[in-house]
Amino acid sequence: MSLIKECIRTVGRGSRGRGPLTQEQARQVMEQFVAGEFDDDQMAMLLMLIRVRDETPEEIAGFVEGLKASQQPVRADFDWPLYAGKRVGATSGKPWHLLAALLLAQQGVKVFLHGDLDKESDRIHARDYLQNLNISQADSLEQAQQIIGRDNIVYLSLESFSPLAKRMLDWKHRYGLRTPINTVIRAMNPSDAPYGMRGSFHPGFQELHAQVEHLLARQSSGVREYQRMLSFKGQGGEAEYNPKVSQTVWWVEADQVHSCYLPEFMDKEIPLPTSCPLETPQEEWSLMAHTVVDTLTAALFAIGGDWQQARDKAMECWAFYCQSGGTGEVVS
């Protein structure tokens, strides 16, 4: 029996006989799919069956390894996946996380942004606002390496570094159901960066992402040894921290999965800018400021490991950004 049929039988049998794939099975079946050894419908069936009973960390980690097996990574410090987007007309506002990413890059951190533009969704995507902040978009991994070396920040679309993953992601329009590929692409880390963060919406996925990162780090045998990967409930599922909610954040550090409960923090004295390059209405500037500071705090925590120090640094960066009229420079 072929591996794909064996995997479909494993996850698709009756409730008493079915079970999850091992990490090794998931890796091998994805590698065979990448090699064109079976068709889309068989892989889609496997993913749909897994989605019905919820994916395991081992399955996601294996799929990530299978997709990345033949890729050459870009050298970067921070991995920032942006796939959810933000709802049009909702109170969540513009993609303010882009401003946080730019401020992080201005501190000398090489930030690798990657995402997808779903033209059939009713969401605002980061890719729509890159020009507002003069963030360059690359067309390939090679070009991304050149840009990030020059600007410390770059955006690369999913179809530019993994056309197959983009095709799989778009199966949701063909079949009307999301698959585990939505979780897989957030963990792909095209730059093999040692730091990063993942936003997700549904309960339980924050811990799932941390467990996936733990498995990937352990499997790498030092080649992909993460320092800290942070996972939290993002605004609408995006990798943007919501300052209006208290939540538990998860991260991987020293070969262990950690978690910490963080209360909401809204500072009435937070500085406000004189304008917003993302065309945010003035009545939303306070929420924008808190979102940028909290998102930047999360990123700096992923790098440094101390939440209060990260918040102090984020506030310093934001205050300087406001004082400089939106230009921003390195804060020593």
Protein backbone atom coordinates (compact mmCIF):
# COMPACT_ATOMS: atom_id res chain seq x y z
CA MET A 1 0.00 0.00 0.00
CA SER A 2 1.29 3.48 -0.86
CA LEU A 3 2.14 5.85 1.96
CA ILE A 4 -0.64 8.32 1.14
CA LYS A 5 -3.27 5.55 1.25
CA GLU A 6 -1.79 4.24 4.49
CA CYS A 7 -1.98 7.74 6.01
CA ILE A 8 -5.57 8.26 4.83
CA ARG A 9 -6.55 4.94 6.39
CA THR A 10 -4.77 5.84 9.63
CA VAL A 11 -6.68 9.08 10.16
CA GLY A 12 -9.91 8.16 8.37
CA ARG A 13 -11.01 4.88 9.94
CA GLY A 14 -13.86 4.65 12.45
CA SER A 15 -13.64 6.40 15.80
CA ARG A 16 -12.20 3.29 17.48
CA GLY A 17 -9.60 2.54 14.82
CA ARG A 18 -8.33 5.91 13.66
CA GLY A 19 -5.34 7.74 15.04
CA PRO A 20 -2.97 10.62 14.26
CA LEU A 21 0.06 10.49 12.01
CA THR A 22 3.49 10.41 13.57
CA GLN A 23 5.83 13.30 12.84
CA GLU A 24 7.86 11.02 10.58
CA GLN A 25 4.77 9.89 8.63
CA ALA A 26 3.66 13.49 8.16
CA ARG A 27 7.13 14.50 6.95
CA GLN A 28 7.40 11.63 4.51
CA VAL A 29 3.94 12.01 3.01
CA MET A 30 4.49 15.76 2.52
CA GLU A 31 7.86 15.11 0.88
CA GLN A 32 6.21 12.66 -1.51
CA PHE A 33 3.50 15.19 -2.33
CA VAL A 34 6.14 17.86 -3.01
CA ALA A 35 7.86 15.36 -5.33
CA GLY A 36 4.61 14.85 -7.24
CA GLU A 37 4.18 11.18 -6.30
CA PHE A 38 0.40 11.55 -5.83
CA ASP A 39 -2.28 14.09 -6.73
CA ASP A 40 -3.92 17.06 -4.99
CA ASP A 41 -7.17 15.27 -4.19
CA GLN A 42 -5.44 12.59 -2.13
CA MET A 43 -3.50 15.16 -0.12
CA ALA A 44 -6.58 17.32 0.31
CA MET A 45 -8.53 14.32 1.58
CA LEU A 46 -5.81 13.57 4.12
CA LEU A 47 -5.74 17.14 5.37
CA MET A 48 -9.55 17.38 5.60
CA LEU A 49 -9.73 14.19 7.65
CA ILE A 50 -7.05 15.52 9.99
CA ARG A 51 -8.87 18.85 10.31
CA VAL A 52 -12.14 17.17 11.31
CA ARG A 53 -10.56 15.69 14.45
CA ASP A 54 -7.98 18.52 14.97
CA GLU A 55 -4.33 18.40 14.00
CA THR A 56 -1.62 17.33 16.43
CA PRO A 57 1.72 19.11 16.98
CA GLU A 58 3.52 16.09 15.51
CA GLU A 59 1.49 16.23 12.29
CA ILE A 60 2.05 19.98 11.83
CA ALA A 61 5.78 19.70 12.57
CA GLY A 62 6.14 16.84 10.09
CA PHE A 63 4.29 18.74 7.35
CA VAL A 64 6.51 21.78 7.92
CA GLU A 65 9.65 19.66 7.62
CA GLY A 66 8.36 18.07 4.42
CA LEU A 67 7.58 21.41 2.80
CA LYS A 68 10.89 22.99 3.81
CA ALA A 69 13.15 20.06 2.91
CA SER A 70 14.38 21.57 -0.37
CA GLN A 71 14.32 25.29 0.54
CA GLN A 72 17.33 27.51 1.08
CA PRO A 73 16.61 29.89 3.98
CA VAL A 74 17.11 33.64 4.07
CA ARG A 75 19.29 34.83 6.94
CA ALA A 76 17.18 36.87 9.36
CA ASP A 77 16.79 37.43 13.09
CA PHE A 78 13.02 37.50 13.48
CA ASP A 79 10.27 35.49 11.77
CA TRP A 80 6.90 37.26 11.51
CA PRO A 81 4.11 35.39 9.66
CA LEU A 82 1.12 37.56 8.59
CA TYR A 83 -1.67 35.45 7.12
CA ALA A 84 -4.95 36.25 8.89
CA GLY A 85 -5.45 39.89 7.95
CA LYS A 86 -7.84 42.22 9.77
CA ARG A 87 -11.57 42.55 9.17
CA VAL A 88 -12.72 45.53 7.10
CA GLY A 89 -14.85 47.92 9.14
CA ALA A 90 -14.14 46.15 12.43
CA THR A 91 -12.85 47.87 15.56
CA SER A 92 -9.47 46.17 15.13
CA GLY A 93 -8.24 48.98 12.87
CA LYS A 94 -5.48 49.09 10.28
CA PRO A 95 -2.52 46.65 10.15
CA TRP A 96 -0.71 48.45 12.97
CA HIS A 97 1.57 45.45 13.46
CA LEU A 98 3.48 46.64 10.37
CA LEU A 99 4.48 49.78 12.24
CA ALA A 100 5.67 47.64 15.17
CA ALA A 101 7.71 45.52 12.75
CA LEU A 102 9.28 48.64 11.25
CA LEU A 103 10.23 49.95 14.70
CA LEU A 104 11.79 46.57 15.50
CA ALA A 105 13.84 46.74 12.29
CA GLN A 106 14.99 50.24 13.22
CA GLN A 107 16.58 48.70 16.33
CA GLY A 108 18.88 46.68 14.08
CA VAL A 109 16.82 43.46 14.07
CA LYS A 110 16.50 41.76 10.68
CA VAL A 111 12.76 41.17 10.35
CA PHE A 112 11.37 38.69 7.82
CA LEU A 113 7.66 39.25 7.11
CA HIS A 114 5.76 36.68 5.06
CA GLY A 115 2.08 36.30 4.29
CA ASP A 116 -0.66 35.88 1.74
CA LEU A 117 -3.15 38.17 0.03
CA ASP A 118 -6.49 36.36 -0.05
CA LYS A 119 -8.42 38.31 -2.70
CA GLU A 120 -11.64 36.48 -1.85
CA SER A 121 -11.65 37.49 1.82
CA ASP A 122 -13.14 40.62 3.37
CA ARG A 123 -9.97 41.43 5.26
CA ILE A 124 -7.25 44.05 5.12
CA HIS A 125 -3.87 42.42 4.63
CA ALA A 126 -0.42 43.69 5.53
CA ARG A 127 0.61 43.43 1.90
CA ASP A 128 -1.85 46.22 1.04
CA TYR A 129 -0.01 48.71 3.28
CA LEU A 130 3.67 47.97 2.71
CA GLN A 131 4.18 51.08 0.57
CA ASN A 132 2.74 53.31 3.30
CA LEU A 133 5.75 52.44 5.46
CA ASN A 134 8.29 52.04 2.63
CA ILE A 135 8.67 48.33 3.38
CA SER A 136 9.93 46.54 0.29
CA GLN A 137 8.35 43.38 -1.07
CA ALA A 138 10.65 40.77 -2.57
CA ASP A 139 9.83 38.44 -5.46
CA SER A 140 12.10 35.60 -4.38
CA LEU A 141 14.14 34.33 -1.45
CA GLU A 142 17.30 35.59 -3.15
CA GLN A 143 15.92 39.10 -3.53
CA ALA A 144 14.59 39.00 0.03
CA GLN A 145 18.13 38.35 1.27
CA GLN A 146 19.41 41.40 -0.58
CA ILE A 147 16.64 43.67 0.70
CA ILE A 148 16.86 42.55 4.32
CA GLY A 149 20.60 43.15 4.22
CA ARG A 150 19.92 46.70 3.11
CA ASP A 151 16.75 47.63 5.05
CA ASN A 152 16.65 45.16 7.97
CA ILE A 153 13.07 44.32 6.94
CA VAL A 154 11.39 42.67 3.97
CA TYR A 155 8.05 41.12 2.99
CA LEU A 156 7.80 37.95 0.88
CA SER A 157 4.51 36.45 -0.25
CA LEU A 158 3.79 32.77 0.25
CA GLU A 159 3.56 32.09 -3.48
CA SER A 160 7.05 33.56 -3.91
CA PHE A 161 8.79 31.08 -1.62
CA SER A 162 6.38 28.11 -1.65
CA PRO A 163 3.94 28.05 -4.59
CA LEU A 164 2.81 24.58 -3.53
CA ALA A 165 1.87 25.77 -0.04
CA LYS A 166 -0.07 28.64 -1.64
CA ARG A 167 -1.95 26.15 -3.82
CA MET A 168 -2.78 24.07 -0.77
CA LEU A 169 -3.91 27.15 1.17
CA ASP A 170 -6.32 28.03 -1.62
CA TRP A 171 -8.02 24.64 -1.33
CA LYS A 172 -10.30 26.33 1.21
CA HIS A 173 -12.02 28.05 -1.72
CA ARG A 174 -12.37 24.80 -3.67
CA TYR A 175 -13.63 22.66 -0.79
CA GLY A 176 -15.15 25.31 1.49
CA LEU A 177 -13.11 24.17 4.50
CA ARG A 178 -9.84 25.28 6.00
CA THR A 179 -7.14 22.65 6.38
CA PRO A 180 -4.14 22.26 8.72
CA ILE A 181 -2.07 24.06 6.08
CA ASN A 182 -3.20 27.32 7.74
CA THR A 183 -1.25 26.25 10.83
CA VAL A 184 1.65 24.83 8.80
CA ILE A 185 2.44 28.04 6.91
CA ARG A 186 2.67 30.05 10.13
CA ALA A 187 5.41 27.69 11.33
CA MET A 188 7.41 27.48 8.09
CA ASN A 189 9.92 30.18 9.14
CA PRO A 190 11.48 30.66 5.66
CA SER A 191 14.46 32.46 7.20
CA ASP A 192 15.14 29.88 9.93
CA ALA A 193 15.23 32.86 12.30
CA PRO A 194 16.04 32.12 15.95
CA TYR A 195 13.27 34.42 17.20
CA GLY A 196 9.71 35.05 16.11
CA MET A 197 6.06 35.03 17.02
CA ARG A 198 2.80 33.52 15.83
CA GLY A 199 -0.70 34.90 16.19
CA SER A 200 -3.78 32.69 16.12
CA PHE A 201 -7.47 33.13 16.90
CA HIS A 202 -9.06 29.91 18.14
CA PRO A 203 -8.48 28.74 21.73
CA GLY A 204 -5.85 26.04 22.02
CA PHE A 205 -3.90 27.03 18.93
CA GLN A 206 -1.58 29.27 20.94
CA GLU A 207 -0.31 26.24 22.88
CA LEU A 208 -0.34 24.12 19.70
CA HIS A 209 2.00 26.55 17.95
CA ALA A 210 4.41 26.45 20.89
CA GLN A 211 4.40 22.65 20.88
CA VAL A 212 5.07 22.61 17.12
CA GLU A 213 8.03 24.95 17.53
CA HIS A 214 9.36 22.72 20.31
CA LEU A 215 9.23 19.65 18.06
CA LEU A 216 10.89 21.47 15.17
CA ALA A 217 13.70 22.74 17.39
CA ARG A 218 14.36 19.29 18.84
CA GLN A 219 14.28 17.61 15.43
CA SER A 220 16.81 20.07 14.02
CA SER A 221 19.68 18.67 16.14
CA GLY A 222 21.10 22.16 16.50
CA VAL A 223 20.62 23.27 12.88
CA ARG A 224 17.43 25.12 13.74
CA GLU A 225 17.86 25.72 17.44
CA TYR A 226 15.34 28.36 18.46
CA GLN A 227 16.03 30.83 21.21
CA ARG A 228 12.43 31.98 21.68
CA MET A 229 9.26 31.64 19.61
CA LEU A 230 6.24 33.41 21.09
CA SER A 231 2.61 32.43 20.45
CA PHE A 232 -0.48 34.39 21.47
CA LYS A 233 -4.10 35.10 20.59
CA GLY A 234 -3.68 37.76 17.92
CA GLN A 235 -6.07 40.43 16.76
CA GLY A 236 -8.44 38.52 14.47
CA GLY A 237 -5.84 35.74 14.36
CA GLU A 238 -3.11 38.02 13.03
CA ALA A 239 0.33 38.30 14.65
CA GLU A 240 -0.71 41.57 16.27
CA TYR A 241 -1.08 41.79 20.05
CA ASN A 242 -4.49 42.95 21.31
CA PRO A 243 -3.96 45.45 24.16
CA LYS A 244 -7.61 45.24 25.25
CA VAL A 245 -7.50 41.64 26.49
CA SER A 246 -5.72 39.63 29.17
CA GLN A 247 -4.32 36.35 27.94
CA THR A 248 -1.83 33.54 28.32
CA VAL A 249 1.17 33.67 26.01
CA TRP A 250 3.27 30.62 25.14
CA TRP A 251 6.87 30.29 24.06
CA VAL A 252 9.69 27.81 23.55
CA GLU A 253 12.95 28.29 25.40
CA ALA A 254 15.77 25.99 26.55
CA ASP A 255 14.06 22.90 25.09
CA GLN A 256 10.88 23.56 27.08
CA VAL A 257 7.42 25.01 26.43
CA HIS A 258 6.60 27.88 28.79
CA SER A 259 3.47 29.95 29.40
CA CYS A 260 2.62 33.12 31.30
CA TYR A 261 -0.64 34.94 32.01
CA LEU A 262 -0.51 38.65 31.18
CA PRO A 263 -3.19 41.18 32.20
CA GLU A 264 -4.30 43.90 29.82
CA PHE A 265 -2.42 47.18 30.11
CA MET A 266 -3.82 50.46 28.77
CA ASP A 267 -1.70 53.49 29.69
CA LYS A 268 -3.69 56.74 29.55
CA GLU A 269 -0.46 58.71 29.28
CA ILE A 270 0.82 56.92 26.18
CA PRO A 271 2.28 59.34 23.60
CA LEU A 272 0.33 59.91 20.40
CA PRO A 273 1.78 60.74 16.97
CA THR A 274 0.96 63.81 14.93
CA SER A 275 -0.06 61.67 11.96
CA CYS A 276 -0.37 58.04 10.88
CA PRO A 277 1.13 56.65 7.65
CA LEU A 278 -1.50 53.90 7.69
CA GLU A 279 -4.32 56.48 7.44
CA THR A 280 -5.74 55.61 10.84
CA PRO A 281 -8.65 57.92 11.86
CA GLN A 282 -7.60 60.23 14.72
CA GLU A 283 -10.19 58.77 17.09
CA GLU A 284 -8.34 55.43 16.85
CA TRP A 285 -4.86 56.80 17.52
CA SER A 286 -4.88 55.78 21.19
CA LEU A 287 -5.80 52.19 20.31
CA MET A 288 -3.20 52.23 17.55
CA ALA A 289 -0.51 53.43 19.98
CA HIS A 290 -1.32 50.71 22.53
CA THR A 291 -1.42 48.05 19.81
CA VAL A 292 1.95 49.05 18.37
CA VAL A 293 3.56 49.20 21.81
CA ASP A 294 2.13 45.83 22.92
CA THR A 295 3.04 44.13 19.64
CA LEU A 296 6.55 45.55 19.79
CA THR A 297 6.74 44.45 23.44
CA ALA A 298 5.85 40.89 22.42
CA ALA A 299 8.56 40.91 19.73
CA LEU A 300 11.21 42.31 22.07
CA PHE A 301 10.22 39.77 24.72
CA ALA A 302 10.76 36.99 22.19
CA ILE A 303 14.29 38.31 21.71
CA GLY A 304 15.19 39.29 25.28
CA GLY A 305 13.03 37.14 27.54
CA ASP A 306 11.96 39.83 30.03
CA TRP A 307 8.46 41.27 29.56
CA GLN A 308 8.91 44.44 31.65
CA GLN A 309 12.20 45.30 30.00
CA ALA A 310 10.60 44.66 26.62
CA ARG A 311 7.68 46.98 27.47
CA ASP A 312 10.03 49.74 28.68
CA LYS A 313 12.04 49.47 25.45
CA ALA A 314 8.89 49.43 23.32
CA MET A 315 7.58 52.57 25.05
CA GLU A 316 10.94 54.24 24.49
CA CYS A 317 10.89 53.36 20.80
CA TRP A 318 7.30 54.54 20.41
CA ALA A 319 7.90 57.82 22.25
CA PHE A 320 10.89 58.53 20.03
CA TYR A 321 8.86 57.67 16.94
CA CYS A 322 6.19 60.18 17.98
CA GLN A 323 8.77 62.87 18.80
CA SER A 324 10.58 62.38 15.50
CA GLY A 325 7.42 63.01 13.52
CA GLY A 326 7.16 59.43 12.34
CA THR A 327 10.68 58.98 10.97
CA GLY A 328 12.10 56.84 13.77
CA GLU A 329 15.74 56.07 14.42
CA VAL A 330 17.78 53.67 16.51
CA VAL A 331 17.31 54.19 20.23
CA SER A 332 20.49 53.27 22.10
